[in-house]
Amino acid sequence: MYCPRCGIEFREGFSKCSDCNIDLVSDPPSFEQETIEWRDMVTIKIIDDQSFLMVAKSIIESAEIPFFTKNEGVQELFGFGRVGTGFNIAAGPIEIQVPKEYAEEALTLLESAEQDDKNA
């Protein structure tokens, strides 16, 4: 038995998904996989301030602009982590990258947020 929404498989005897609270079906659902394409990504911002990184990611997500944060996941893996500089010296600073066609829009949004922060 399978949940038609989340796809979790249940043992015989169950009739509802414990997470989705909907009736189970006998066949597994088929989910369409989203195709991810490599695009020409450009760095629009180099960030060493962890709090601004969270703000920047939120702004870009809200604008529904696809992005990637280069070096974010490896900051704590080498040496002493982010001691002193705000980023790991071995990994380098965190770079926000967007597809080339979104670069101008994303950069404008981030610069506007930085200006608002300075004026506050």
Protein backbone atom coordinates (compact mmCIF):
# COMPACT_ATOMS: atom_id res chain seq x y z
CA MET A 1 0.00 0.00 0.00
CA TYR A 2 1.27 3.45 -0.93
CA CYS A 3 0.43 7.02 -0.14
CA PRO A 4 -0.58 8.73 -3.40
CA ARG A 5 0.76 12.10 -2.16
CA CYS A 6 4.16 11.39 -0.57
CA GLY A 7 4.85 7.92 -2.02
CA ILE A 8 5.68 6.21 1.30
CA GLU A 9 5.09 2.45 1.25
CA PHE A 10 3.08 0.93 4.11
CA ARG A 11 2.68 -2.67 5.29
CA GLU A 12 -0.58 -4.53 4.76
CA GLY A 13 -3.19 -3.56 7.30
CA PHE A 14 -2.70 0.20 7.02
CA SER A 15 -5.36 2.23 5.25
CA LYS A 16 -4.25 5.86 5.78
CA CYS A 17 -0.93 7.65 5.46
CA SER A 18 0.23 8.68 8.93
CA ASP A 19 1.86 11.84 7.56
CA CYS A 20 -0.66 13.00 4.92
CA ASN A 21 -3.82 11.56 6.52
CA ILE A 22 -5.20 10.34 3.18
CA ASP A 23 -6.31 6.90 1.99
CA LEU A 24 -3.62 4.57 0.67
CA VAL A 25 -3.66 3.02 -2.82
CA SER A 26 -2.34 -0.33 -4.02
CA ASP A 27 -0.04 0.96 -6.77
CA PRO A 28 2.95 3.24 -6.14
CA PRO A 29 2.46 6.78 -7.42
CA SER A 30 4.52 7.93 -10.37
CA PHE A 31 6.20 11.25 -9.75
CA GLU A 32 7.49 13.32 -12.60
CA GLN A 33 11.11 14.16 -12.06
CA GLU A 34 12.07 17.75 -12.61
CA THR A 35 14.93 18.07 -15.04
CA ILE A 36 17.73 20.25 -13.80
CA GLU A 37 19.88 21.80 -16.47
CA TRP A 38 23.30 23.30 -16.06
CA ARG A 39 23.18 26.92 -16.98
CA ASP A 40 25.76 29.61 -17.32
CA MET A 41 26.00 30.61 -13.68
CA VAL A 42 27.58 33.90 -12.66
CA THR A 43 28.64 35.11 -9.24
CA ILE A 44 26.61 38.15 -8.25
CA LYS A 45 27.76 38.52 -4.66
CA ILE A 46 30.61 37.35 -2.44
CA ILE A 47 29.43 37.16 1.16
CA ASP A 48 31.37 36.84 4.40
CA ASP A 49 28.50 37.88 6.69
CA GLN A 50 26.40 34.88 7.70
CA SER A 51 23.36 36.96 8.64
CA PHE A 52 23.31 38.77 5.29
CA LEU A 53 23.63 35.41 3.55
CA MET A 54 20.33 34.32 5.09
CA VAL A 55 18.68 37.59 4.04
CA ALA A 56 20.11 37.34 0.52
CA LYS A 57 18.90 33.75 0.08
CA SER A 58 15.44 34.73 1.30
CA ILE A 59 15.23 37.68 -1.12
CA ILE A 60 16.34 35.62 -4.10
CA GLU A 61 13.99 32.74 -3.21
CA SER A 62 11.07 35.18 -2.85
CA ALA A 63 11.78 36.50 -6.35
CA GLU A 64 11.74 32.86 -7.58
CA ILE A 65 15.23 33.22 -9.04
CA PRO A 66 17.18 29.94 -9.20
CA PHE A 67 20.49 30.23 -7.35
CA PHE A 68 23.41 28.33 -5.90
CA THR A 69 25.57 29.20 -2.91
CA LYS A 70 29.10 28.14 -3.77
CA ASN A 71 31.28 27.13 -0.80
CA GLU A 72 28.45 27.33 1.74
CA GLY A 73 28.40 23.62 2.52
CA VAL A 74 32.15 23.29 3.12
CA GLN A 75 32.76 26.16 5.52
CA GLU A 76 33.08 23.93 8.61
CA LEU A 77 34.96 21.05 6.97
CA PHE A 78 38.52 22.37 7.01
CA GLY A 79 40.78 23.69 9.77
CA PHE A 80 39.09 25.94 12.30
CA GLY A 81 35.98 26.73 10.27
CA ARG A 82 35.05 30.42 10.01
CA VAL A 83 37.39 31.78 12.67
CA GLY A 84 37.98 35.53 12.37
CA THR A 85 37.20 36.15 8.71
CA GLY A 86 33.54 35.13 8.56
CA PHE A 87 34.46 32.38 6.11
CA ASN A 88 36.86 29.46 6.00
CA ILE A 89 40.16 30.55 4.47
CA ALA A 90 40.74 27.12 2.90
CA ALA A 91 37.29 27.02 1.24
CA GLY A 92 37.01 30.71 0.41
CA PRO A 93 34.07 33.05 0.88
CA ILE A 94 30.52 32.09 -0.02
CA GLU A 95 29.49 33.13 -3.51
CA ILE A 96 25.88 33.55 -4.60
CA GLN A 97 25.53 32.40 -8.18
CA VAL A 98 22.52 32.76 -10.46
CA PRO A 99 21.89 31.94 -14.12
CA LYS A 100 23.28 34.69 -16.34
CA GLU A 101 19.80 35.81 -17.45
CA TYR A 102 18.82 36.59 -13.81
CA ALA A 103 22.06 38.29 -12.75
CA GLU A 104 20.97 41.90 -13.14
CA GLU A 105 17.63 41.41 -11.38
CA ALA A 106 19.16 39.45 -8.47
CA LEU A 107 22.00 41.93 -7.99
CA THR A 108 19.55 44.86 -7.96
CA LEU A 109 17.47 43.13 -5.29
CA LEU A 110 20.50 42.44 -3.09
CA GLU A 111 21.93 45.94 -3.47
CA SER A 112 18.53 47.38 -2.53
CA ALA A 113 18.48 45.22 0.61
CA GLU A 114 21.99 46.37 1.54
CA GLN A 115 20.97 50.02 1.09
CA ASP A 116 17.88 49.49 3.24
CA ASP A 117 20.09 47.93 5.92
CA LYS A 118 22.52 50.87 5.87
CA ASN A 119 19.69 53.41 6.04
CA ALA A 120 18.02 51.68 8.99
